[in-house]
Amino acid sequence: MAGGWSKDGAIQEQIDDSVKDAVRHATSRLPKGESAKLCVECGDPIPKARREALPGVKTCVPCQMERDGGNRVEAYNRRGSKGSQMR
């Protein structure tokens, strides 16, 4: 339900457009082109699987983690099982 001069579904269209813009921005920042065989940071070889999974990659996993600040997402059980609640 829209109000005023806006048509029905206008808010959802704005949300969809915002999501599309964010996805477009994120994909534009991904590396492109040919992957390096050696890491530009430390000179270690970059595994073939990493080069194939992420075209244009220039760093090995440890160096990329250091660049990213070593931020790791730690998953935890949001629901919590009965056993986890007793600890």
C-alpha atoms as a PDB file:
ATOM      1  CA  MET A   1       0.000   0.000   0.000  1.00  0.00           C
ATOM      2  CA  ALA A   2       1.462   3.285  -1.086  1.00  0.00           C
ATOM      3  CA  GLY A   3       0.506   6.679   0.158  1.00  0.00           C
ATOM      4  CA  GLY A   4       0.384  10.130  -1.327  1.00  0.00           C
ATOM      5  CA  TRP A   5       1.500  10.381  -4.947  1.00  0.00           C
ATOM      6  CA  SER A   6       3.437   7.119  -5.029  1.00  0.00           C
ATOM      7  CA  LYS A   7       2.017   4.075  -6.774  1.00  0.00           C
ATOM      8  CA  ASP A   8       1.464   0.691  -5.144  1.00  0.00           C
ATOM      9  CA  GLY A   9       4.701  -1.283  -4.794  1.00  0.00           C
ATOM     10  CA  ALA A  10       6.911   1.810  -4.985  1.00  0.00           C
ATOM     11  CA  ILE A  11       8.676   1.012  -1.723  1.00  0.00           C
ATOM     12  CA  GLN A  12       9.502  -2.526  -2.880  1.00  0.00           C
ATOM     13  CA  GLU A  13      10.848  -1.122  -6.153  1.00  0.00           C
ATOM     14  CA  GLN A  14      13.133   1.203  -4.189  1.00  0.00           C
ATOM     15  CA  ILE A  15      14.370  -1.713  -2.093  1.00  0.00           C
ATOM     16  CA  ASP A  16      14.955  -3.845  -5.201  1.00  0.00           C
ATOM     17  CA  ASP A  17      16.861  -1.020  -6.908  1.00  0.00           C
ATOM     18  CA  SER A  18      19.023  -0.489  -3.813  1.00  0.00           C
ATOM     19  CA  VAL A  19      19.880  -4.182  -3.681  1.00  0.00           C
ATOM     20  CA  LYS A  20      20.692  -4.250  -7.417  1.00  0.00           C
ATOM     21  CA  ASP A  21      22.969  -1.215  -7.015  1.00  0.00           C
ATOM     22  CA  ALA A  22      24.765  -2.813  -4.073  1.00  0.00           C
ATOM     23  CA  VAL A  23      25.296  -6.071  -5.980  1.00  0.00           C
ATOM     24  CA  ARG A  24      26.527  -4.188  -9.040  1.00  0.00           C
ATOM     25  CA  HIS A  25      28.966  -2.186  -6.885  1.00  0.00           C
ATOM     26  CA  ALA A  26      30.263  -5.305  -5.118  1.00  0.00           C
ATOM     27  CA  THR A  27      30.797  -7.258  -8.336  1.00  0.00           C
ATOM     28  CA  SER A  28      32.594  -4.296  -9.916  1.00  0.00           C
ATOM     29  CA  ARG A  29      35.176  -4.466  -7.104  1.00  0.00           C
ATOM     30  CA  LEU A  30      35.993  -8.143  -7.718  1.00  0.00           C
ATOM     31  CA  PRO A  31      39.317  -8.856  -9.411  1.00  0.00           C
ATOM     32  CA  LYS A  32      39.194  -9.455 -13.153  1.00  0.00           C
ATOM     33  CA  GLY A  33      41.551 -10.749 -15.797  1.00  0.00           C
ATOM     34  CA  GLU A  34      44.285 -13.309 -15.559  1.00  0.00           C
ATOM     35  CA  SER A  35      45.283 -14.527 -12.116  1.00  0.00           C
ATOM     36  CA  ALA A  36      48.866 -14.276 -10.936  1.00  0.00           C
ATOM     37  CA  LYS A  37      50.707 -17.542 -10.340  1.00  0.00           C
ATOM     38  CA  LEU A  38      52.779 -16.015  -7.546  1.00  0.00           C
ATOM     39  CA  CYS A  39      51.508 -13.830  -4.737  1.00  0.00           C
ATOM     40  CA  VAL A  40      52.391 -10.157  -5.219  1.00  0.00           C
ATOM     41  CA  GLU A  41      52.843  -9.776  -1.441  1.00  0.00           C
ATOM     42  CA  CYS A  42      55.040 -12.716  -0.425  1.00  0.00           C
ATOM     43  CA  GLY A  43      55.980 -14.457  -3.684  1.00  0.00           C
ATOM     44  CA  ASP A  44      54.496 -17.830  -2.683  1.00  0.00           C
ATOM     45  CA  PRO A  45      52.655 -19.787  -5.368  1.00  0.00           C
ATOM     46  CA  ILE A  46      48.889 -19.261  -5.542  1.00  0.00           C
ATOM     47  CA  PRO A  47      47.096 -22.627  -5.716  1.00  0.00           C
ATOM     48  CA  LYS A  48      45.435 -23.456  -9.029  1.00  0.00           C
ATOM     49  CA  ALA A  49      42.051 -23.947  -7.353  1.00  0.00           C
ATOM     50  CA  ARG A  50      42.166 -20.375  -5.976  1.00  0.00           C
ATOM     51  CA  ARG A  51      43.163 -18.959  -9.357  1.00  0.00           C
ATOM     52  CA  GLU A  52      40.290 -20.776 -11.061  1.00  0.00           C
ATOM     53  CA  ALA A  53      37.730 -19.894  -8.377  1.00  0.00           C
ATOM     54  CA  LEU A  54      38.599 -16.191  -8.359  1.00  0.00           C
ATOM     55  CA  PRO A  55      39.814 -14.941 -11.755  1.00  0.00           C
ATOM     56  CA  GLY A  56      42.230 -12.038 -11.443  1.00  0.00           C
ATOM     57  CA  VAL A  57      43.451 -12.944  -7.962  1.00  0.00           C
ATOM     58  CA  LYS A  58      46.875 -11.517  -7.099  1.00  0.00           C
ATOM     59  CA  THR A  59      47.440 -12.671  -3.508  1.00  0.00           C
ATOM     60  CA  CYS A  60      47.578 -15.981  -1.650  1.00  0.00           C
ATOM     61  CA  VAL A  61      45.012 -16.755   1.050  1.00  0.00           C
ATOM     62  CA  PRO A  62      47.208 -15.832   4.061  1.00  0.00           C
ATOM     63  CA  CYS A  63      48.205 -12.488   2.524  1.00  0.00           C
ATOM     64  CA  GLN A  64      44.606 -11.711   1.558  1.00  0.00           C
ATOM     65  CA  MET A  65      43.453 -12.488   5.090  1.00  0.00           C
ATOM     66  CA  GLU A  66      46.102 -10.108   6.420  1.00  0.00           C
ATOM     67  CA  ARG A  67      44.958  -7.425   3.952  1.00  0.00           C
ATOM     68  CA  ASP A  68      41.371  -7.910   5.090  1.00  0.00           C
ATOM     69  CA  GLY A  69      42.456  -7.420   8.678  1.00  0.00           C
ATOM     70  CA  GLY A  70      42.083 -11.061   9.574  1.00  0.00           C
ATOM     71  CA  ASN A  71      38.361 -10.525  10.057  1.00  0.00           C
ATOM     72  CA  ARG A  72      36.605 -13.835  10.289  1.00  0.00           C
ATOM     73  CA  VAL A  73      32.950 -14.346  10.752  1.00  0.00           C
ATOM     74  CA  GLU A  74      32.392 -16.494  13.779  1.00  0.00           C
ATOM     75  CA  ALA A  75      29.235 -18.490  13.540  1.00  0.00           C
ATOM     76  CA  TYR A  76      27.273 -19.399  16.582  1.00  0.00           C
ATOM     77  CA  ASN A  77      23.998 -21.122  17.225  1.00  0.00           C
ATOM     78  CA  ARG A  78      21.384 -18.382  17.467  1.00  0.00           C
ATOM     79  CA  ARG A  79      18.610 -20.732  18.474  1.00  0.00           C
ATOM     80  CA  GLY A  80      20.669 -22.488  21.060  1.00  0.00           C
ATOM     81  CA  SER A  81      20.129 -26.100  21.779  1.00  0.00           C
ATOM     82  CA  LYS A  82      19.155 -27.286  25.216  1.00  0.00           C
ATOM     83  CA  GLY A  83      22.703 -28.527  25.767  1.00  0.00           C
ATOM     84  CA  SER A  84      24.264 -25.181  24.825  1.00  0.00           C
ATOM     85  CA  GLN A  85      21.970 -23.339  27.217  1.00  0.00           C
ATOM     86  CA  MET A  86      23.121 -25.467  30.154  1.00  0.00           C
ATOM     87  CA  ARG A  87      26.779 -24.511  29.730  1.00  0.00           C
END
